[in-house]
Amino acid sequence: MQARLKPALHAVVTSLDMLRRTDPDAEIAWRERDQARLDRCTAVIRRLSAEGTLAEDWSIPDAAYLMWAATSQRVWEDLVLEGGMTSDQYRTHLTRLLERALT
Protein backbone atom coordinates (compact mmCIF):
# COMPACT_ATOMS: atom_id res chain seq x y z
CA MET A 1 0.00 0.00 0.00
CA GLN A 2 2.78 2.42 0.92
CA ALA A 3 4.56 1.85 -2.41
CA ARG A 4 1.38 2.91 -4.25
CA LEU A 5 0.55 5.90 -2.04
CA LYS A 6 3.93 7.54 -1.58
CA PRO A 7 4.49 8.74 -5.18
CA ALA A 8 0.98 10.18 -5.42
CA LEU A 9 1.15 11.94 -2.06
CA HIS A 10 4.79 13.03 -2.12
CA ALA A 11 4.19 16.72 -2.86
CA VAL A 12 1.44 17.04 -0.25
CA VAL A 13 3.41 15.17 2.41
CA THR A 14 6.56 17.21 1.76
CA SER A 15 4.59 20.45 2.06
CA LEU A 16 2.89 19.30 5.25
CA ASP A 17 6.23 18.23 6.71
CA MET A 18 7.69 21.69 6.10
CA LEU A 19 4.59 23.55 7.25
CA ARG A 20 4.19 21.58 10.48
CA ARG A 21 7.32 23.17 11.94
CA THR A 22 5.59 26.54 12.13
CA ASP A 23 1.88 25.74 11.97
CA PRO A 24 0.23 23.94 14.92
CA ASP A 25 -2.68 22.72 12.79
CA ALA A 26 -0.28 21.21 10.27
CA GLU A 27 1.57 19.53 13.14
CA ILE A 28 -1.70 18.01 14.36
CA ALA A 29 -2.49 16.76 10.85
CA TRP A 30 1.04 15.30 10.56
CA ARG A 31 0.73 13.47 13.87
CA GLU A 32 -2.71 12.13 12.97
CA ARG A 33 -1.36 10.83 9.64
CA ASP A 34 1.61 9.18 11.33
CA GLN A 35 -0.58 7.67 14.06
CA ALA A 36 -2.93 6.23 11.44
CA ARG A 37 0.06 4.64 9.66
CA LEU A 38 1.35 3.25 12.98
CA ASP A 39 -2.12 1.86 13.69
CA ARG A 40 -2.11 0.08 10.31
CA CYS A 41 1.36 -1.32 10.99
CA THR A 42 0.23 -2.51 14.42
CA ALA A 43 -2.76 -4.26 12.86
CA VAL A 44 -0.47 -6.12 10.45
CA ILE A 45 1.88 -7.14 13.24
CA ARG A 46 -1.00 -8.27 15.47
CA ARG A 47 -2.21 -10.45 12.62
CA LEU A 48 1.26 -11.96 12.15
CA SER A 49 1.35 -12.64 15.88
CA ALA A 50 -2.13 -14.19 15.89
CA GLU A 51 -1.14 -16.43 12.96
CA GLY A 52 2.03 -17.48 14.78
CA THR A 53 4.35 -16.09 12.12
CA LEU A 54 5.82 -13.11 14.00
CA ALA A 55 9.39 -13.98 14.98
CA GLU A 56 9.38 -14.79 18.69
CA ASP A 57 12.03 -12.23 19.60
CA TRP A 58 9.74 -9.34 18.55
CA SER A 59 7.16 -7.67 20.74
CA ILE A 60 4.13 -6.33 18.91
CA PRO A 61 4.97 -2.67 19.69
CA ASP A 62 8.63 -3.02 18.65
CA ALA A 63 7.77 -4.83 15.43
CA ALA A 64 5.07 -2.28 14.61
CA TYR A 65 7.49 0.61 15.14
CA LEU A 66 10.08 -1.06 12.91
CA MET A 67 7.51 -1.44 10.14
CA TRP A 68 6.33 2.14 10.72
CA ALA A 69 9.87 3.52 10.49
CA ALA A 70 10.79 1.42 7.45
CA THR A 71 7.72 2.64 5.57
CA SER A 72 8.24 6.32 6.39
CA GLN A 73 8.18 9.03 3.76
CA ARG A 74 11.85 9.76 4.36
CA VAL A 75 12.88 6.17 3.72
CA TRP A 76 10.86 6.16 0.50
CA GLU A 77 12.52 9.44 -0.55
CA ASP A 78 16.00 8.10 0.26
CA LEU A 79 15.49 4.87 -1.68
CA VAL A 80 13.40 6.07 -4.62
CA LEU A 81 14.21 9.73 -5.14
CA GLU A 82 17.83 9.71 -3.99
CA GLY A 83 18.78 6.06 -4.49
CA GLY A 84 17.14 5.63 -7.86
CA MET A 85 14.95 2.62 -7.03
CA THR A 86 11.74 2.26 -8.94
CA SER A 87 8.50 1.99 -7.00
CA ASP A 88 8.41 -1.71 -7.86
CA GLN A 89 11.94 -2.22 -6.54
CA TYR A 90 11.06 -0.28 -3.38
CA ARG A 91 8.02 -2.48 -2.79
CA THR A 92 9.91 -5.70 -3.49
CA HIS A 93 12.98 -4.88 -1.40
CA LEU A 94 11.10 -3.36 1.51
CA THR A 95 8.67 -6.28 1.61
CA ARG A 96 11.57 -8.74 1.58
CA LEU A 97 13.38 -6.80 4.31
CA LEU A 98 10.35 -6.68 6.59
CA GLU A 99 9.41 -10.31 5.98
CA ARG A 100 12.93 -11.50 6.79
CA ALA A 101 13.23 -9.26 9.83
CA LEU A 102 9.83 -9.93 11.36
CA THR A 103 8.87 -13.51 10.47
C-alpha atoms as a PDB file:
ATOM      1  CA  MET A   1       0.000   0.000   0.000  1.00  0.00           C
ATOM      2  CA  GLN A   2       2.780   2.420   0.917  1.00  0.00           C
ATOM      3  CA  ALA A   3       4.558   1.846  -2.412  1.00  0.00           C
ATOM      4  CA  ARG A   4       1.383   2.907  -4.251  1.00  0.00           C
ATOM      5  CA  LEU A   5       0.551   5.895  -2.036  1.00  0.00           C
ATOM      6  CA  LYS A   6       3.929   7.543  -1.584  1.00  0.00           C
ATOM      7  CA  PRO A   7       4.485   8.741  -5.178  1.00  0.00           C
ATOM      8  CA  ALA A   8       0.977  10.179  -5.424  1.00  0.00           C
ATOM      9  CA  LEU A   9       1.152  11.940  -2.062  1.00  0.00           C
ATOM     10  CA  HIS A  10       4.789  13.027  -2.116  1.00  0.00           C
ATOM     11  CA  ALA A  11       4.190  16.722  -2.855  1.00  0.00           C
ATOM     12  CA  VAL A  12       1.439  17.045  -0.252  1.00  0.00           C
ATOM     13  CA  VAL A  13       3.410  15.173   2.408  1.00  0.00           C
ATOM     14  CA  THR A  14       6.559  17.208   1.756  1.00  0.00           C
ATOM     15  CA  SER A  15       4.592  20.452   2.056  1.00  0.00           C
ATOM     16  CA  LEU A  16       2.886  19.300   5.249  1.00  0.00           C
ATOM     17  CA  ASP A  17       6.230  18.232   6.706  1.00  0.00           C
ATOM     18  CA  MET A  18       7.693  21.693   6.097  1.00  0.00           C
ATOM     19  CA  LEU A  19       4.587  23.549   7.254  1.00  0.00           C
ATOM     20  CA  ARG A  20       4.191  21.577  10.480  1.00  0.00           C
ATOM     21  CA  ARG A  21       7.317  23.173  11.942  1.00  0.00           C
ATOM     22  CA  THR A  22       5.590  26.543  12.126  1.00  0.00           C
ATOM     23  CA  ASP A  23       1.876  25.736  11.973  1.00  0.00           C
ATOM     24  CA  PRO A  24       0.234  23.936  14.920  1.00  0.00           C
ATOM     25  CA  ASP A  25      -2.681  22.719  12.787  1.00  0.00           C
ATOM     26  CA  ALA A  26      -0.283  21.210  10.268  1.00  0.00           C
ATOM     27  CA  GLU A  27       1.571  19.525  13.136  1.00  0.00           C
ATOM     28  CA  ILE A  28      -1.699  18.007  14.359  1.00  0.00           C
ATOM     29  CA  ALA A  29      -2.489  16.757  10.845  1.00  0.00           C
ATOM     30  CA  TRP A  30       1.035  15.296  10.558  1.00  0.00           C
ATOM     31  CA  ARG A  31       0.732  13.468  13.868  1.00  0.00           C
ATOM     32  CA  GLU A  32      -2.715  12.131  12.971  1.00  0.00           C
ATOM     33  CA  ARG A  33      -1.365  10.828   9.644  1.00  0.00           C
ATOM     34  CA  ASP A  34       1.607   9.183  11.330  1.00  0.00           C
ATOM     35  CA  GLN A  35      -0.575   7.672  14.055  1.00  0.00           C
ATOM     36  CA  ALA A  36      -2.926   6.227  11.443  1.00  0.00           C
ATOM     37  CA  ARG A  37       0.062   4.642   9.665  1.00  0.00           C
ATOM     38  CA  LEU A  38       1.353   3.245  12.980  1.00  0.00           C
ATOM     39  CA  ASP A  39      -2.118   1.861  13.694  1.00  0.00           C
ATOM     40  CA  ARG A  40      -2.113   0.076  10.310  1.00  0.00           C
ATOM     41  CA  CYS A  41       1.361  -1.319  10.994  1.00  0.00           C
ATOM     42  CA  THR A  42       0.232  -2.513  14.420  1.00  0.00           C
ATOM     43  CA  ALA A  43      -2.763  -4.256  12.862  1.00  0.00           C
ATOM     44  CA  VAL A  44      -0.473  -6.117  10.446  1.00  0.00           C
ATOM     45  CA  ILE A  45       1.883  -7.137  13.244  1.00  0.00           C
ATOM     46  CA  ARG A  46      -1.001  -8.270  15.468  1.00  0.00           C
ATOM     47  CA  ARG A  47      -2.206 -10.453  12.624  1.00  0.00           C
ATOM     48  CA  LEU A  48       1.259 -11.963  12.155  1.00  0.00           C
ATOM     49  CA  SER A  49       1.353 -12.644  15.883  1.00  0.00           C
ATOM     50  CA  ALA A  50      -2.126 -14.194  15.887  1.00  0.00           C
ATOM     51  CA  GLU A  51      -1.143 -16.432  12.962  1.00  0.00           C
ATOM     52  CA  GLY A  52       2.027 -17.483  14.782  1.00  0.00           C
ATOM     53  CA  THR A  53       4.355 -16.091  12.117  1.00  0.00           C
ATOM     54  CA  LEU A  54       5.819 -13.113  14.004  1.00  0.00           C
ATOM     55  CA  ALA A  55       9.387 -13.983  14.985  1.00  0.00           C
ATOM     56  CA  GLU A  56       9.383 -14.794  18.687  1.00  0.00           C
ATOM     57  CA  ASP A  57      12.034 -12.229  19.605  1.00  0.00           C
ATOM     58  CA  TRP A  58       9.741  -9.340  18.554  1.00  0.00           C
ATOM     59  CA  SER A  59       7.162  -7.672  20.740  1.00  0.00           C
ATOM     60  CA  ILE A  60       4.127  -6.333  18.914  1.00  0.00           C
ATOM     61  CA  PRO A  61       4.973  -2.671  19.688  1.00  0.00           C
ATOM     62  CA  ASP A  62       8.633  -3.024  18.652  1.00  0.00           C
ATOM     63  CA  ALA A  63       7.769  -4.831  15.427  1.00  0.00           C
ATOM     64  CA  ALA A  64       5.069  -2.283  14.606  1.00  0.00           C
ATOM     65  CA  TYR A  65       7.488   0.607  15.140  1.00  0.00           C
ATOM     66  CA  LEU A  66      10.082  -1.062  12.911  1.00  0.00           C
ATOM     67  CA  MET A  67       7.510  -1.440  10.145  1.00  0.00           C
ATOM     68  CA  TRP A  68       6.327   2.136  10.717  1.00  0.00           C
ATOM     69  CA  ALA A  69       9.867   3.521  10.488  1.00  0.00           C
ATOM     70  CA  ALA A  70      10.788   1.425   7.450  1.00  0.00           C
ATOM     71  CA  THR A  71       7.720   2.644   5.573  1.00  0.00           C
ATOM     72  CA  SER A  72       8.244   6.322   6.389  1.00  0.00           C
ATOM     73  CA  GLN A  73       8.177   9.034   3.758  1.00  0.00           C
ATOM     74  CA  ARG A  74      11.850   9.764   4.356  1.00  0.00           C
ATOM     75  CA  VAL A  75      12.881   6.167   3.723  1.00  0.00           C
ATOM     76  CA  TRP A  76      10.858   6.160   0.499  1.00  0.00           C
ATOM     77  CA  GLU A  77      12.523   9.441  -0.554  1.00  0.00           C
ATOM     78  CA  ASP A  78      16.004   8.096   0.258  1.00  0.00           C
ATOM     79  CA  LEU A  79      15.493   4.870  -1.681  1.00  0.00           C
ATOM     80  CA  VAL A  80      13.397   6.071  -4.624  1.00  0.00           C
ATOM     81  CA  LEU A  81      14.213   9.732  -5.138  1.00  0.00           C
ATOM     82  CA  GLU A  82      17.829   9.706  -3.988  1.00  0.00           C
ATOM     83  CA  GLY A  83      18.783   6.056  -4.492  1.00  0.00           C
ATOM     84  CA  GLY A  84      17.138   5.626  -7.859  1.00  0.00           C
ATOM     85  CA  MET A  85      14.951   2.617  -7.027  1.00  0.00           C
ATOM     86  CA  THR A  86      11.741   2.257  -8.943  1.00  0.00           C
ATOM     87  CA  SER A  87       8.502   1.992  -7.004  1.00  0.00           C
ATOM     88  CA  ASP A  88       8.413  -1.714  -7.858  1.00  0.00           C
ATOM     89  CA  GLN A  89      11.940  -2.217  -6.537  1.00  0.00           C
ATOM     90  CA  TYR A  90      11.062  -0.280  -3.376  1.00  0.00           C
ATOM     91  CA  ARG A  91       8.017  -2.480  -2.794  1.00  0.00           C
ATOM     92  CA  THR A  92       9.910  -5.704  -3.489  1.00  0.00           C
ATOM     93  CA  HIS A  93      12.984  -4.879  -1.403  1.00  0.00           C
ATOM     94  CA  LEU A  94      11.096  -3.358   1.513  1.00  0.00           C
ATOM     95  CA  THR A  95       8.668  -6.279   1.615  1.00  0.00           C
ATOM     96  CA  ARG A  96      11.569  -8.740   1.584  1.00  0.00           C
ATOM     97  CA  LEU A  97      13.382  -6.802   4.309  1.00  0.00           C
ATOM     98  CA  LEU A  98      10.351  -6.677   6.592  1.00  0.00           C
ATOM     99  CA  GLU A  99       9.407 -10.313   5.983  1.00  0.00           C
ATOM    100  CA  ARG A 100      12.927 -11.496   6.790  1.00  0.00           C
ATOM    101  CA  ALA A 101      13.230  -9.257   9.833  1.00  0.00           C
ATOM    102  CA  LEU A 102       9.835  -9.931  11.360  1.00  0.00           C
ATOM    103  CA  THR A 103       8.872 -13.511  10.470  1.00  0.00           C
END
